[in-house]
Every structure is written in structure tokens, then in C-alpha cells.
All heavy atoms as atom14 arrays in JSON, in Angstrom:
{
  "sequence": "ALYRNVSDVNGEAVLKFADGSTLTFHGLHKADLSYDD",
  "atom14_mask": [
    [1, 1, 1, 1, 1, 0, 0, 0, 0, 0, 0, 0, 0, 0],
    [1, 1, 1, 1, 1, 1, 1, 1, 0, 0, 0, 0, 0, 0],
    [1, 1, 1, 1, 1, 1, 1, 1, 1, 1, 1, 1, 0, 0],
    [1, 1, 1, 1, 1, 1, 1, 1, 1, 1, 1, 0, 0, 0],
    [1, 1, 1, 1, 1, 1, 1, 1, 0, 0, 0, 0, 0, 0],
    [1, 1, 1, 1, 1, 1, 1, 0, 0, 0, 0, 0, 0, 0],
    [1, 1, 1, 1, 1, 1, 0, 0, 0, 0, 0, 0, 0, 0],
    [1, 1, 1, 1, 1, 1, 1, 1, 0, 0, 0, 0, 0, 0],
    [1, 1, 1, 1, 1, 1, 1, 0, 0, 0, 0, 0, 0, 0],
    [1, 1, 1, 1, 1, 1, 1, 1, 0, 0, 0, 0, 0, 0],
    [1, 1, 1, 1, 0, 0, 0, 0, 0, 0, 0, 0, 0, 0],
    [1, 1, 1, 1, 1, 1, 1, 1, 1, 0, 0, 0, 0, 0],
    [1, 1, 1, 1, 1, 0, 0, 0, 0, 0, 0, 0, 0, 0],
    [1, 1, 1, 1, 1, 1, 1, 0, 0, 0, 0, 0, 0, 0],
    [1, 1, 1, 1, 1, 1, 1, 1, 0, 0, 0, 0, 0, 0],
    [1, 1, 1, 1, 1, 1, 1, 1, 1, 0, 0, 0, 0, 0],
    [1, 1, 1, 1, 1, 1, 1, 1, 1, 1, 1, 0, 0, 0],
    [1, 1, 1, 1, 1, 0, 0, 0, 0, 0, 0, 0, 0, 0],
    [1, 1, 1, 1, 1, 1, 1, 1, 0, 0, 0, 0, 0, 0],
    [1, 1, 1, 1, 0, 0, 0, 0, 0, 0, 0, 0, 0, 0],
    [1, 1, 1, 1, 1, 1, 0, 0, 0, 0, 0, 0, 0, 0],
    [1, 1, 1, 1, 1, 1, 1, 0, 0, 0, 0, 0, 0, 0],
    [1, 1, 1, 1, 1, 1, 1, 1, 0, 0, 0, 0, 0, 0],
    [1, 1, 1, 1, 1, 1, 1, 0, 0, 0, 0, 0, 0, 0],
    [1, 1, 1, 1, 1, 1, 1, 1, 1, 1, 1, 0, 0, 0],
    [1, 1, 1, 1, 1, 1, 1, 1, 1, 1, 0, 0, 0, 0],
    [1, 1, 1, 1, 0, 0, 0, 0, 0, 0, 0, 0, 0, 0],
    [1, 1, 1, 1, 1, 1, 1, 1, 0, 0, 0, 0, 0, 0],
    [1, 1, 1, 1, 1, 1, 1, 1, 1, 1, 0, 0, 0, 0],
    [1, 1, 1, 1, 1, 1, 1, 1, 1, 0, 0, 0, 0, 0],
    [1, 1, 1, 1, 1, 0, 0, 0, 0, 0, 0, 0, 0, 0],
    [1, 1, 1, 1, 1, 1, 1, 1, 0, 0, 0, 0, 0, 0],
    [1, 1, 1, 1, 1, 1, 1, 1, 0, 0, 0, 0, 0, 0],
    [1, 1, 1, 1, 1, 1, 0, 0, 0, 0, 0, 0, 0, 0],
    [1, 1, 1, 1, 1, 1, 1, 1, 1, 1, 1, 1, 0, 0],
    [1, 1, 1, 1, 1, 1, 1, 1, 0, 0, 0, 0, 0, 0],
    [1, 1, 1, 1, 1, 1, 1, 1, 0, 0, 0, 0, 0, 0]
  ],
  "atom14_positions": [
    [[109.32, 28.77, 109.97], [109.83, 28.18, 108.81], [108.68, 27.63, 107.95], [108.63, 27.74, 106.68], [110.89, 27.14, 109.06], [0.0, 0.0, 0.0], [0.0, 0.0, 0.0], [0.0, 0.0, 0.0], [0.0, 0.0, 0.0], [0.0, 0.0, 0.0], [0.0, 0.0, 0.0], [0.0, 0.0, 0.0], [0.0, 0.0, 0.0], [0.0, 0.0, 0.0]],
    [[107.7, 27.04, 108.7], [106.49, 26.47, 107.96], [105.76, 27.61, 107.27], [105.36, 27.56, 106.12], [105.58, 25.78, 108.95], [104.29, 25.23, 108.37], [104.59, 23.93, 107.64], [103.25, 25.04, 109.57], [0.0, 0.0, 0.0], [0.0, 0.0, 0.0], [0.0, 0.0, 0.0], [0.0, 0.0, 0.0], [0.0, 0.0, 0.0], [0.0, 0.0, 0.0]],
    [[105.61, 28.74, 108.01], [104.91, 29.86, 107.42], [105.53, 30.42, 106.16], [104.81, 30.96, 105.33], [104.74, 30.94, 108.5], [103.68, 31.96, 108.23], [102.34, 31.64, 108.3], [103.95, 33.34, 107.9], [101.24, 32.54, 108.02], [102.97, 34.28, 107.67], [101.69, 33.9, 107.73], [100.65, 34.85, 107.49], [0.0, 0.0, 0.0], [0.0, 0.0, 0.0]],
    [[106.82, 30.36, 106.07], [107.54, 30.83, 104.92], [107.22, 30.04, 103.69], [107.27, 30.46, 102.5], [109.04, 30.81, 105.15], [109.53, 31.99, 106.04], [111.06, 32.2, 105.92], [111.69, 31.12, 106.5], [112.15, 31.07, 107.85], [111.83, 32.04, 108.61], [112.8, 30.06, 108.23], [0.0, 0.0, 0.0], [0.0, 0.0, 0.0], [0.0, 0.0, 0.0]],
    [[106.76, 28.79, 103.91], [106.35, 27.88, 102.85], [104.85, 28.02, 102.45], [104.44, 27.26, 101.56], [106.69, 26.45, 103.26], [108.14, 26.14, 103.42], [108.94, 26.82, 102.73], [108.53, 25.17, 104.13], [0.0, 0.0, 0.0], [0.0, 0.0, 0.0], [0.0, 0.0, 0.0], [0.0, 0.0, 0.0], [0.0, 0.0, 0.0], [0.0, 0.0, 0.0]],
    [[104.2, 29.07, 103.01], [102.79, 29.3, 102.69], [102.72, 30.5, 101.73], [103.52, 31.53, 101.96], [101.93, 29.57, 103.88], [100.55, 29.88, 103.47], [101.93, 28.41, 104.88], [0.0, 0.0, 0.0], [0.0, 0.0, 0.0], [0.0, 0.0, 0.0], [0.0, 0.0, 0.0], [0.0, 0.0, 0.0], [0.0, 0.0, 0.0], [0.0, 0.0, 0.0]],
    [[102.07, 30.44, 100.61], [101.97, 31.51, 99.7], [100.5, 31.7, 99.22], [99.84, 30.54, 99.27], [102.94, 31.48, 98.61], [102.78, 30.27, 97.8], [0.0, 0.0, 0.0], [0.0, 0.0, 0.0], [0.0, 0.0, 0.0], [0.0, 0.0, 0.0], [0.0, 0.0, 0.0], [0.0, 0.0, 0.0], [0.0, 0.0, 0.0], [0.0, 0.0, 0.0]],
    [[100.13, 32.8, 98.8], [98.83, 32.93, 98.13], [98.86, 32.55, 96.66], [99.64, 33.28, 95.95], [98.23, 34.35, 98.39], [97.82, 34.62, 99.81], [97.39, 33.61, 100.44], [97.93, 35.74, 100.22], [0.0, 0.0, 0.0], [0.0, 0.0, 0.0], [0.0, 0.0, 0.0], [0.0, 0.0, 0.0], [0.0, 0.0, 0.0], [0.0, 0.0, 0.0]],
    [[98.16, 31.56, 96.27], [98.15, 31.17, 94.86], [96.67, 31.21, 94.38], [95.76, 30.61, 94.98], [98.66, 29.68, 94.68], [98.58, 29.33, 93.26], [100.03, 29.6, 95.26], [0.0, 0.0, 0.0], [0.0, 0.0, 0.0], [0.0, 0.0, 0.0], [0.0, 0.0, 0.0], [0.0, 0.0, 0.0], [0.0, 0.0, 0.0], [0.0, 0.0, 0.0]],
    [[96.41, 32.04, 93.36], [95.06, 32.23, 92.86], [94.16, 32.68, 94.01], [92.99, 32.23, 93.98], [94.59, 31.02, 92.1], [95.33, 30.68, 90.86], [95.76, 31.63, 90.17], [95.61, 29.4, 90.62], [0.0, 0.0, 0.0], [0.0, 0.0, 0.0], [0.0, 0.0, 0.0], [0.0, 0.0, 0.0], [0.0, 0.0, 0.0], [0.0, 0.0, 0.0]],
    [[94.62, 33.53, 94.97], [93.85, 33.99, 95.94], [93.57, 33.11, 97.17], [92.74, 33.47, 98.02], [0.0, 0.0, 0.0], [0.0, 0.0, 0.0], [0.0, 0.0, 0.0], [0.0, 0.0, 0.0], [0.0, 0.0, 0.0], [0.0, 0.0, 0.0], [0.0, 0.0, 0.0], [0.0, 0.0, 0.0], [0.0, 0.0, 0.0], [0.0, 0.0, 0.0]],
    [[94.26, 32.02, 97.24], [94.12, 31.03, 98.42], [95.45, 30.69, 98.95], [96.48, 30.57, 98.26], [93.28, 29.86, 97.99], [91.84, 30.16, 97.58], [90.97, 28.86, 97.32], [91.52, 28.0, 96.63], [89.88, 28.83, 97.67], [0.0, 0.0, 0.0], [0.0, 0.0, 0.0], [0.0, 0.0, 0.0], [0.0, 0.0, 0.0], [0.0, 0.0, 0.0]],
    [[95.4, 30.46, 100.25], [96.72, 30.05, 100.98], [97.04, 28.65, 100.61], [96.27, 27.65, 100.65], [96.5, 30.17, 102.47], [0.0, 0.0, 0.0], [0.0, 0.0, 0.0], [0.0, 0.0, 0.0], [0.0, 0.0, 0.0], [0.0, 0.0, 0.0], [0.0, 0.0, 0.0], [0.0, 0.0, 0.0], [0.0, 0.0, 0.0], [0.0, 0.0, 0.0]],
    [[98.32, 28.52, 100.2], [98.83, 27.06, 99.74], [100.11, 26.89, 100.52], [101.06, 27.65, 100.43], [99.07, 26.98, 98.19], [99.72, 25.67, 97.88], [97.81, 27.23, 97.43], [0.0, 0.0, 0.0], [0.0, 0.0, 0.0], [0.0, 0.0, 0.0], [0.0, 0.0, 0.0], [0.0, 0.0, 0.0], [0.0, 0.0, 0.0], [0.0, 0.0, 0.0]],
    [[100.12, 25.73, 101.22], [101.33, 25.32, 101.96], [102.04, 24.18, 101.16], [101.43, 23.31, 100.71], [100.87, 24.69, 103.36], [102.03, 23.93, 104.04], [103.22, 24.91, 104.45], [101.42, 23.39, 105.3], [0.0, 0.0, 0.0], [0.0, 0.0, 0.0], [0.0, 0.0, 0.0], [0.0, 0.0, 0.0], [0.0, 0.0, 0.0], [0.0, 0.0, 0.0]],
    [[103.29, 24.42, 100.9], [104.18, 23.46, 100.09], [104.91, 22.62, 101.06], [105.67, 23.09, 101.85], [105.03, 24.21, 99.12], [105.74, 23.22, 98.18], [106.49, 23.99, 97.1], [107.2, 23.04, 96.15], [107.88, 23.73, 95.06], [0.0, 0.0, 0.0], [0.0, 0.0, 0.0], [0.0, 0.0, 0.0], [0.0, 0.0, 0.0], [0.0, 0.0, 0.0]],
    [[104.78, 21.3, 100.91], [105.47, 20.38, 101.79], [106.88, 19.97, 101.15], [107.19, 20.45, 100.02], [104.74, 19.07, 101.82], [103.43, 19.13, 102.69], [102.23, 18.79, 102.08], [103.43, 19.65, 103.97], [101.0, 18.9, 102.81], [102.25, 19.8, 104.71], [101.04, 19.37, 104.08], [0.0, 0.0, 0.0], [0.0, 0.0, 0.0], [0.0, 0.0, 0.0]],
    [[107.62, 19.27, 101.94], [109.05, 19.0, 101.48], [109.14, 18.16, 100.32], [110.09, 18.2, 99.48], [109.88, 18.37, 102.68], [0.0, 0.0, 0.0], [0.0, 0.0, 0.0], [0.0, 0.0, 0.0], [0.0, 0.0, 0.0], [0.0, 0.0, 0.0], [0.0, 0.0, 0.0], [0.0, 0.0, 0.0], [0.0, 0.0, 0.0], [0.0, 0.0, 0.0]],
    [[108.11, 17.3, 99.93], [108.18, 16.43, 98.87], [107.55, 17.05, 97.66], [107.34, 16.34, 96.6], [107.52, 15.07, 99.21], [105.98, 15.2, 99.47], [105.53, 16.32, 99.58], [105.38, 14.19, 99.4], [0.0, 0.0, 0.0], [0.0, 0.0, 0.0], [0.0, 0.0, 0.0], [0.0, 0.0, 0.0], [0.0, 0.0, 0.0], [0.0, 0.0, 0.0]],
    [[107.16, 18.33, 97.66], [106.55, 18.98, 96.57], [104.96, 18.93, 96.62], [104.32, 19.57, 95.81], [0.0, 0.0, 0.0], [0.0, 0.0, 0.0], [0.0, 0.0, 0.0], [0.0, 0.0, 0.0], [0.0, 0.0, 0.0], [0.0, 0.0, 0.0], [0.0, 0.0, 0.0], [0.0, 0.0, 0.0], [0.0, 0.0, 0.0], [0.0, 0.0, 0.0]],
    [[104.45, 18.16, 97.48], [102.98, 18.11, 97.62], [102.56, 19.47, 98.24], [103.37, 20.25, 98.79], [102.52, 16.99, 98.52], [102.79, 15.68, 97.99], [0.0, 0.0, 0.0], [0.0, 0.0, 0.0], [0.0, 0.0, 0.0], [0.0, 0.0, 0.0], [0.0, 0.0, 0.0], [0.0, 0.0, 0.0], [0.0, 0.0, 0.0], [0.0, 0.0, 0.0]],
    [[101.22, 19.84, 97.97], [100.7, 20.99, 98.46], [99.36, 20.78, 99.36], [98.63, 19.83, 99.07], [100.47, 21.95, 97.33], [99.44, 21.42, 96.42], [101.7, 22.42, 96.61], [0.0, 0.0, 0.0], [0.0, 0.0, 0.0], [0.0, 0.0, 0.0], [0.0, 0.0, 0.0], [0.0, 0.0, 0.0], [0.0, 0.0, 0.0], [0.0, 0.0, 0.0]],
    [[99.11, 21.79, 100.23], [97.9, 21.76, 100.91], [97.28, 23.18, 100.75], [97.88, 24.18, 101.25], [98.16, 21.45, 102.42], [96.91, 21.65, 103.39], [95.78, 20.69, 103.01], [97.27, 21.43, 104.78], [0.0, 0.0, 0.0], [0.0, 0.0, 0.0], [0.0, 0.0, 0.0], [0.0, 0.0, 0.0], [0.0, 0.0, 0.0], [0.0, 0.0, 0.0]],
    [[96.0, 23.19, 100.14], [95.38, 24.46, 99.99], [94.27, 24.62, 101.06], [93.46, 23.73, 101.37], [94.68, 24.42, 98.53], [95.69, 24.35, 97.54], [93.95, 25.76, 98.34], [0.0, 0.0, 0.0], [0.0, 0.0, 0.0], [0.0, 0.0, 0.0], [0.0, 0.0, 0.0], [0.0, 0.0, 0.0], [0.0, 0.0, 0.0], [0.0, 0.0, 0.0]],
    [[94.31, 25.88, 101.6], [93.24, 26.29, 102.58], [92.15, 27.04, 101.83], [92.37, 28.27, 101.61], [93.84, 27.04, 103.69], [94.71, 26.23, 104.51], [96.1, 26.06, 104.21], [94.31, 25.66, 105.74], [97.02, 25.36, 104.96], [95.17, 24.91, 106.52], [96.56, 24.76, 106.12], [0.0, 0.0, 0.0], [0.0, 0.0, 0.0], [0.0, 0.0, 0.0]],
    [[91.2, 26.32, 101.37], [90.13, 26.94, 100.42], [89.54, 28.16, 101.15], [89.14, 28.12, 102.28], [89.02, 25.95, 100.08], [87.95, 26.55, 99.41], [87.96, 26.98, 98.02], [86.63, 26.83, 99.83], [86.87, 27.53, 97.74], [86.06, 27.37, 98.65], [0.0, 0.0, 0.0], [0.0, 0.0, 0.0], [0.0, 0.0, 0.0], [0.0, 0.0, 0.0]],
    [[89.5, 29.26, 100.38], [88.77, 30.37, 100.81], [89.59, 31.3, 101.86], [89.04, 32.35, 102.37], [0.0, 0.0, 0.0], [0.0, 0.0, 0.0], [0.0, 0.0, 0.0], [0.0, 0.0, 0.0], [0.0, 0.0, 0.0], [0.0, 0.0, 0.0], [0.0, 0.0, 0.0], [0.0, 0.0, 0.0], [0.0, 0.0, 0.0], [0.0, 0.0, 0.0]],
    [[90.81, 30.96, 102.12], [91.62, 31.69, 103.09], [92.88, 32.23, 102.44], [93.39, 31.61, 101.44], [92.07, 30.85, 104.25], [90.9, 30.25, 105.12], [91.47, 29.34, 106.18], [90.06, 31.41, 105.78], [0.0, 0.0, 0.0], [0.0, 0.0, 0.0], [0.0, 0.0, 0.0], [0.0, 0.0, 0.0], [0.0, 0.0, 0.0], [0.0, 0.0, 0.0]],
    [[93.35, 33.31, 102.94], [94.57, 33.85, 102.45], [95.68, 33.58, 103.53], [95.4, 33.15, 104.63], [94.62, 35.42, 102.38], [93.67, 35.9, 101.25], [92.63, 36.69, 101.44], [93.74, 35.56, 99.91], [91.97, 36.89, 100.3], [92.65, 36.24, 99.4], [0.0, 0.0, 0.0], [0.0, 0.0, 0.0], [0.0, 0.0, 0.0], [0.0, 0.0, 0.0]],
    [[96.97, 33.65, 103.2], [98.1, 33.3, 104.07], [97.92, 34.19, 105.39], [98.11, 33.77, 106.42], [99.43, 33.65, 103.41], [100.65, 33.58, 104.28], [101.97, 33.76, 103.62], [103.17, 33.6, 104.45], [104.41, 33.73, 103.75], [0.0, 0.0, 0.0], [0.0, 0.0, 0.0], [0.0, 0.0, 0.0], [0.0, 0.0, 0.0], [0.0, 0.0, 0.0]],
    [[97.45, 35.48, 105.24], [97.38, 36.34, 106.35], [96.32, 35.85, 107.33], [96.32, 36.37, 108.58], [97.02, 37.83, 105.88], [0.0, 0.0, 0.0], [0.0, 0.0, 0.0], [0.0, 0.0, 0.0], [0.0, 0.0, 0.0], [0.0, 0.0, 0.0], [0.0, 0.0, 0.0], [0.0, 0.0, 0.0], [0.0, 0.0, 0.0], [0.0, 0.0, 0.0]],
    [[95.39, 34.97, 106.96], [94.34, 34.44, 107.8], [94.92, 33.38, 108.79], [94.22, 33.06, 109.71], [93.22, 33.91, 107.04], [92.59, 34.91, 106.07], [92.39, 36.1, 106.59], [92.22, 34.57, 104.93], [0.0, 0.0, 0.0], [0.0, 0.0, 0.0], [0.0, 0.0, 0.0], [0.0, 0.0, 0.0], [0.0, 0.0, 0.0], [0.0, 0.0, 0.0]],
    [[96.08, 32.89, 108.54], [96.62, 31.75, 109.17], [97.65, 32.27, 110.25], [98.44, 33.09, 109.87], [97.26, 30.72, 108.29], [96.31, 30.18, 107.2], [97.0, 29.3, 106.2], [95.2, 29.36, 107.84], [0.0, 0.0, 0.0], [0.0, 0.0, 0.0], [0.0, 0.0, 0.0], [0.0, 0.0, 0.0], [0.0, 0.0, 0.0], [0.0, 0.0, 0.0]],
    [[97.75, 31.55, 111.39], [98.73, 31.97, 112.42], [99.2, 30.61, 113.11], [98.71, 29.67, 112.82], [98.08, 32.87, 113.42], [96.94, 32.33, 114.08], [0.0, 0.0, 0.0], [0.0, 0.0, 0.0], [0.0, 0.0, 0.0], [0.0, 0.0, 0.0], [0.0, 0.0, 0.0], [0.0, 0.0, 0.0], [0.0, 0.0, 0.0], [0.0, 0.0, 0.0]],
    [[100.13, 30.8, 114.05], [100.83, 29.71, 114.59], [99.87, 28.75, 115.35], [100.09, 27.5, 115.39], [101.83, 30.28, 115.66], [101.3, 30.85, 116.94], [101.09, 29.96, 118.08], [100.87, 32.07, 116.98], [100.52, 30.54, 119.24], [100.36, 32.62, 118.14], [100.1, 31.82, 119.27], [99.52, 32.28, 120.42], [0.0, 0.0, 0.0], [0.0, 0.0, 0.0]],
    [[98.7, 29.35, 115.93], [97.86, 28.42, 116.63], [96.92, 27.6, 115.78], [96.07, 26.83, 116.25], [96.94, 29.19, 117.64], [96.11, 30.3, 117.02], [96.26, 30.54, 115.85], [95.24, 30.88, 117.72], [0.0, 0.0, 0.0], [0.0, 0.0, 0.0], [0.0, 0.0, 0.0], [0.0, 0.0, 0.0], [0.0, 0.0, 0.0], [0.0, 0.0, 0.0]],
    [[97.05, 27.74, 114.46], [96.37, 26.92, 113.51], [97.01, 25.68, 113.11], [96.53, 24.78, 112.36], [96.01, 27.7, 112.18], [95.18, 28.94, 112.43], [94.24, 28.83, 113.3], [95.42, 29.99, 111.81], [0.0, 0.0, 0.0], [0.0, 0.0, 0.0], [0.0, 0.0, 0.0], [0.0, 0.0, 0.0], [0.0, 0.0, 0.0], [0.0, 0.0, 0.0]]
  ]
}
């Protein structure tokens, strides 16, 4: 469910939290992230 909330925005993986806040993983795409991260 967490992974479904990650999307690529302007070429970088962005995780959206429940309160609308976001966490950007600079230099990475969604496909670079997996469960062990």
C-alpha cells in the first residue's frame, strides 16, 4: 500500500503521506525502491 503512494514527479520518486506531506528521494525513480528500503 505504501508503494502505491509513490509516484515519479519530475523524474524523481515522491512518497505522499496521509496528511498531504511528501518525501522526495532525490535522484531516484520509483522503480529503484523496494520493500527492503
